[in-house]
Amino acid sequence: MAEAIFMFILFVPIGVLTFLAPREMMLLGKRWQYDSEPEFSKEAILYTKITSAFVVGVFTLILVISIINAFR
């Protein structure tokens, strides 16, 4: 159960930030590679948003299942 809570605390805020600001999170740690601000396609931004929403959902589901199993 502690592992699920730890994963939830670490990865869900990153997933939410990625959903809210996909362009900034896509450049996280890679901004030094570009001379000017890169332009991402609409498909890449949509894919990033869908992936982050999926990750948040999966980690929330893992937390809920581990809480249910802990109290059985």
N, C-alpha and C. Protein backbone atom coordinates (compact mmCIF):
# COMPACT_ATOMS: atom_id res chain seq x y z
N MET A 1 0.82 -1.18 0.00
CA MET A 1 0.00 0.00 0.00
C MET A 1 0.86 1.25 0.00
N ALA A 2 1.96 1.20 0.72
CA ALA A 2 2.85 2.37 0.77
C ALA A 2 3.43 2.67 -0.60
N GLU A 3 3.69 1.62 -1.37
CA GLU A 3 4.23 1.84 -2.72
C GLU A 3 3.21 2.55 -3.61
N ALA A 4 1.95 2.19 -3.47
CA ALA A 4 0.91 2.82 -4.28
C ALA A 4 0.75 4.29 -3.92
N ILE A 5 0.81 4.60 -2.64
CA ILE A 5 0.70 5.99 -2.20
C ILE A 5 1.91 6.78 -2.69
N PHE A 6 3.08 6.18 -2.60
CA PHE A 6 4.29 6.84 -3.07
C PHE A 6 4.22 7.12 -4.57
N MET A 7 3.78 6.13 -5.35
CA MET A 7 3.63 6.33 -6.79
C MET A 7 2.61 7.42 -7.09
N PHE A 8 1.51 7.41 -6.35
CA PHE A 8 0.46 8.40 -6.55
C PHE A 8 0.99 9.81 -6.28
N ILE A 9 1.71 9.97 -5.19
CA ILE A 9 2.24 11.28 -4.81
C ILE A 9 3.27 11.77 -5.84
N LEU A 10 4.05 10.87 -6.40
CA LEU A 10 5.08 11.28 -7.36
C LEU A 10 4.55 11.51 -8.77
N PHE A 11 3.72 10.61 -9.27
CA PHE A 11 3.39 10.63 -10.69
C PHE A 11 2.11 11.35 -11.04
N VAL A 12 1.16 11.42 -10.16
CA VAL A 12 -0.10 12.10 -10.50
C VAL A 12 0.09 13.60 -10.68
N PRO A 13 0.83 14.30 -9.83
CA PRO A 13 1.03 15.73 -10.11
C PRO A 13 1.75 15.98 -11.44
N ILE A 14 2.68 15.12 -11.80
CA ILE A 14 3.36 15.26 -13.09
C ILE A 14 2.36 15.03 -14.22
N GLY A 15 1.50 14.05 -14.08
CA GLY A 15 0.48 13.80 -15.09
C GLY A 15 -0.50 14.94 -15.23
N VAL A 16 -0.90 15.53 -14.12
CA VAL A 16 -1.83 16.66 -14.17
C VAL A 16 -1.15 17.87 -14.81
N LEU A 17 0.09 18.13 -14.44
CA LEU A 17 0.81 19.24 -15.06
C LEU A 17 0.99 19.02 -16.56
N THR A 18 1.24 17.78 -16.95
CA THR A 18 1.39 17.48 -18.37
C THR A 18 0.08 17.69 -19.11
N PHE A 19 -1.03 17.36 -18.47
CA PHE A 19 -2.33 17.57 -19.11
C PHE A 19 -2.65 19.06 -19.23
N LEU A 20 -2.30 19.84 -18.22
CA LEU A 20 -2.63 21.26 -18.22
C LEU A 20 -1.69 22.08 -19.10
N ALA A 21 -0.42 21.72 -19.15
CA ALA A 21 0.57 22.48 -19.93
C ALA A 21 1.44 21.51 -20.72
N PRO A 22 0.90 20.91 -21.78
CA PRO A 22 1.65 19.88 -22.49
C PRO A 22 2.90 20.40 -23.20
N ARG A 23 2.85 21.61 -23.74
CA ARG A 23 4.03 22.14 -24.45
C ARG A 23 5.21 22.34 -23.51
N GLU A 24 4.94 22.89 -22.33
CA GLU A 24 6.02 23.12 -21.38
C GLU A 24 6.59 21.81 -20.85
N MET A 25 5.72 20.83 -20.62
CA MET A 25 6.20 19.55 -20.10
C MET A 25 6.92 18.74 -21.18
N MET A 26 6.56 18.94 -22.44
CA MET A 26 7.27 18.25 -23.52
C MET A 26 8.69 18.79 -23.65
N LEU A 27 8.90 20.03 -23.23
CA LEU A 27 10.23 20.63 -23.31
C LEU A 27 11.04 20.48 -22.02
N LEU A 28 10.44 19.89 -21.01
CA LEU A 28 11.11 19.76 -19.72
C LEU A 28 12.43 19.00 -19.87
N GLY A 29 13.51 19.66 -19.61
CA GLY A 29 14.84 19.06 -19.71
C GLY A 29 15.40 19.02 -21.12
N LYS A 30 14.65 19.51 -22.10
CA LYS A 30 15.12 19.47 -23.48
C LYS A 30 15.21 20.85 -24.11
N ARG A 31 14.91 21.87 -23.35
CA ARG A 31 14.89 23.22 -23.89
C ARG A 31 16.27 23.65 -24.40
N TRP A 32 17.32 23.11 -23.83
CA TRP A 32 18.68 23.48 -24.23
C TRP A 32 19.01 23.00 -25.64
N GLN A 33 18.25 22.04 -26.17
CA GLN A 33 18.55 21.48 -27.49
C GLN A 33 18.12 22.39 -28.63
N TYR A 34 17.32 23.39 -28.34
CA TYR A 34 16.75 24.22 -29.40
C TYR A 34 17.25 25.66 -29.30
N ASP A 35 17.51 26.27 -30.46
CA ASP A 35 17.90 27.68 -30.49
C ASP A 35 16.69 28.57 -30.26
N SER A 36 15.57 28.22 -30.88
CA SER A 36 14.33 28.98 -30.70
C SER A 36 13.25 28.04 -30.16
N GLU A 37 12.12 28.61 -29.86
CA GLU A 37 11.02 27.83 -29.31
C GLU A 37 10.46 26.88 -30.39
N PRO A 38 10.49 25.56 -30.16
CA PRO A 38 9.98 24.64 -31.17
C PRO A 38 8.45 24.66 -31.22
N GLU A 39 7.90 24.30 -32.35
CA GLU A 39 6.46 24.22 -32.51
C GLU A 39 6.07 22.75 -32.61
N PHE A 40 5.21 22.33 -31.72
CA PHE A 40 4.73 20.95 -31.72
C PHE A 40 3.44 20.88 -32.51
N SER A 41 3.22 19.77 -33.17
CA SER A 41 1.99 19.60 -33.94
C SER A 41 0.81 19.42 -33.00
N LYS A 42 -0.38 19.65 -33.51
CA LYS A 42 -1.59 19.48 -32.71
C LYS A 42 -1.76 18.01 -32.32
N GLU A 43 -1.34 17.11 -33.19
CA GLU A 43 -1.44 15.69 -32.89
C GLU A 43 -0.52 15.29 -31.74
N ALA A 44 0.69 15.86 -31.71
CA ALA A 44 1.63 15.56 -30.62
C ALA A 44 1.10 16.08 -29.29
N ILE A 45 0.51 17.26 -29.30
CA ILE A 45 -0.05 17.82 -28.06
C ILE A 45 -1.25 17.00 -27.61
N LEU A 46 -2.11 16.60 -28.55
CA LEU A 46 -3.26 15.78 -28.21
C LEU A 46 -2.81 14.43 -27.65
N TYR A 47 -1.82 13.81 -28.27
CA TYR A 47 -1.29 12.54 -27.80
C TYR A 47 -0.73 12.68 -26.37
N THR A 48 -0.03 13.76 -26.11
CA THR A 48 0.52 13.99 -24.78
C THR A 48 -0.58 14.16 -23.76
N LYS A 49 -1.64 14.89 -24.11
CA LYS A 49 -2.76 15.08 -23.18
C LYS A 49 -3.49 13.76 -22.91
N ILE A 50 -3.72 12.97 -23.95
CA ILE A 50 -4.41 11.68 -23.77
C ILE A 50 -3.58 10.74 -22.92
N THR A 51 -2.28 10.71 -23.18
CA THR A 51 -1.38 9.84 -22.41
C THR A 51 -1.33 10.25 -20.95
N SER A 52 -1.27 11.54 -20.67
CA SER A 52 -1.21 11.99 -19.28
C SER A 52 -2.51 11.71 -18.56
N ALA A 53 -3.66 11.87 -19.24
CA ALA A 53 -4.94 11.55 -18.62
C ALA A 53 -5.03 10.06 -18.32
N PHE A 54 -4.54 9.23 -19.22
CA PHE A 54 -4.52 7.79 -19.00
C PHE A 54 -3.64 7.41 -17.81
N VAL A 55 -2.47 8.04 -17.72
CA VAL A 55 -1.55 7.75 -16.61
C VAL A 55 -2.16 8.15 -15.27
N VAL A 56 -2.79 9.31 -15.22
CA VAL A 56 -3.44 9.74 -13.98
C VAL A 56 -4.55 8.77 -13.60
N GLY A 57 -5.33 8.33 -14.58
CA GLY A 57 -6.39 7.37 -14.31
C GLY A 57 -5.87 6.03 -13.81
N VAL A 58 -4.81 5.54 -14.44
CA VAL A 58 -4.25 4.25 -14.03
C VAL A 58 -3.67 4.33 -12.62
N PHE A 59 -2.93 5.38 -12.32
CA PHE A 59 -2.35 5.48 -10.97
C PHE A 59 -3.43 5.70 -9.91
N THR A 60 -4.49 6.39 -10.24
CA THR A 60 -5.60 6.54 -9.30
C THR A 60 -6.28 5.20 -9.08
N LEU A 61 -6.47 4.44 -10.14
CA LEU A 61 -7.06 3.11 -10.02
C LEU A 61 -6.19 2.19 -9.18
N ILE A 62 -4.89 2.24 -9.38
CA ILE A 62 -3.98 1.43 -8.58
C ILE A 62 -4.08 1.79 -7.11
N LEU A 63 -4.17 3.09 -6.80
CA LEU A 63 -4.29 3.52 -5.41
C LEU A 63 -5.60 3.03 -4.81
N VAL A 64 -6.69 3.16 -5.52
CA VAL A 64 -7.99 2.73 -5.00
C VAL A 64 -8.00 1.23 -4.77
N ILE A 65 -7.48 0.46 -5.70
CA ILE A 65 -7.44 -1.01 -5.53
C ILE A 65 -6.57 -1.40 -4.36
N SER A 66 -5.44 -0.74 -4.18
CA SER A 66 -4.57 -1.09 -3.04
C SER A 66 -5.21 -0.70 -1.73
N ILE A 67 -5.97 0.39 -1.69
CA ILE A 67 -6.67 0.76 -0.45
C ILE A 67 -7.76 -0.25 -0.14
N ILE A 68 -8.50 -0.67 -1.16
CA ILE A 68 -9.55 -1.67 -0.95
C ILE A 68 -8.95 -2.98 -0.46
N ASN A 69 -7.84 -3.40 -1.05
CA ASN A 69 -7.20 -4.66 -0.61
C ASN A 69 -6.60 -4.54 0.77
N ALA A 70 -6.18 -3.37 1.19
CA ALA A 70 -5.58 -3.19 2.51
C ALA A 70 -6.63 -3.31 3.62
N PHE A 71 -7.85 -2.94 3.33
CA PHE A 71 -8.88 -2.95 4.37
C PHE A 71 -9.80 -4.17 4.30
N ARG A 72 -9.42 -5.15 3.52
CA ARG A 72 -10.21 -6.41 3.49
C ARG A 72 -9.86 -7.29 4.63
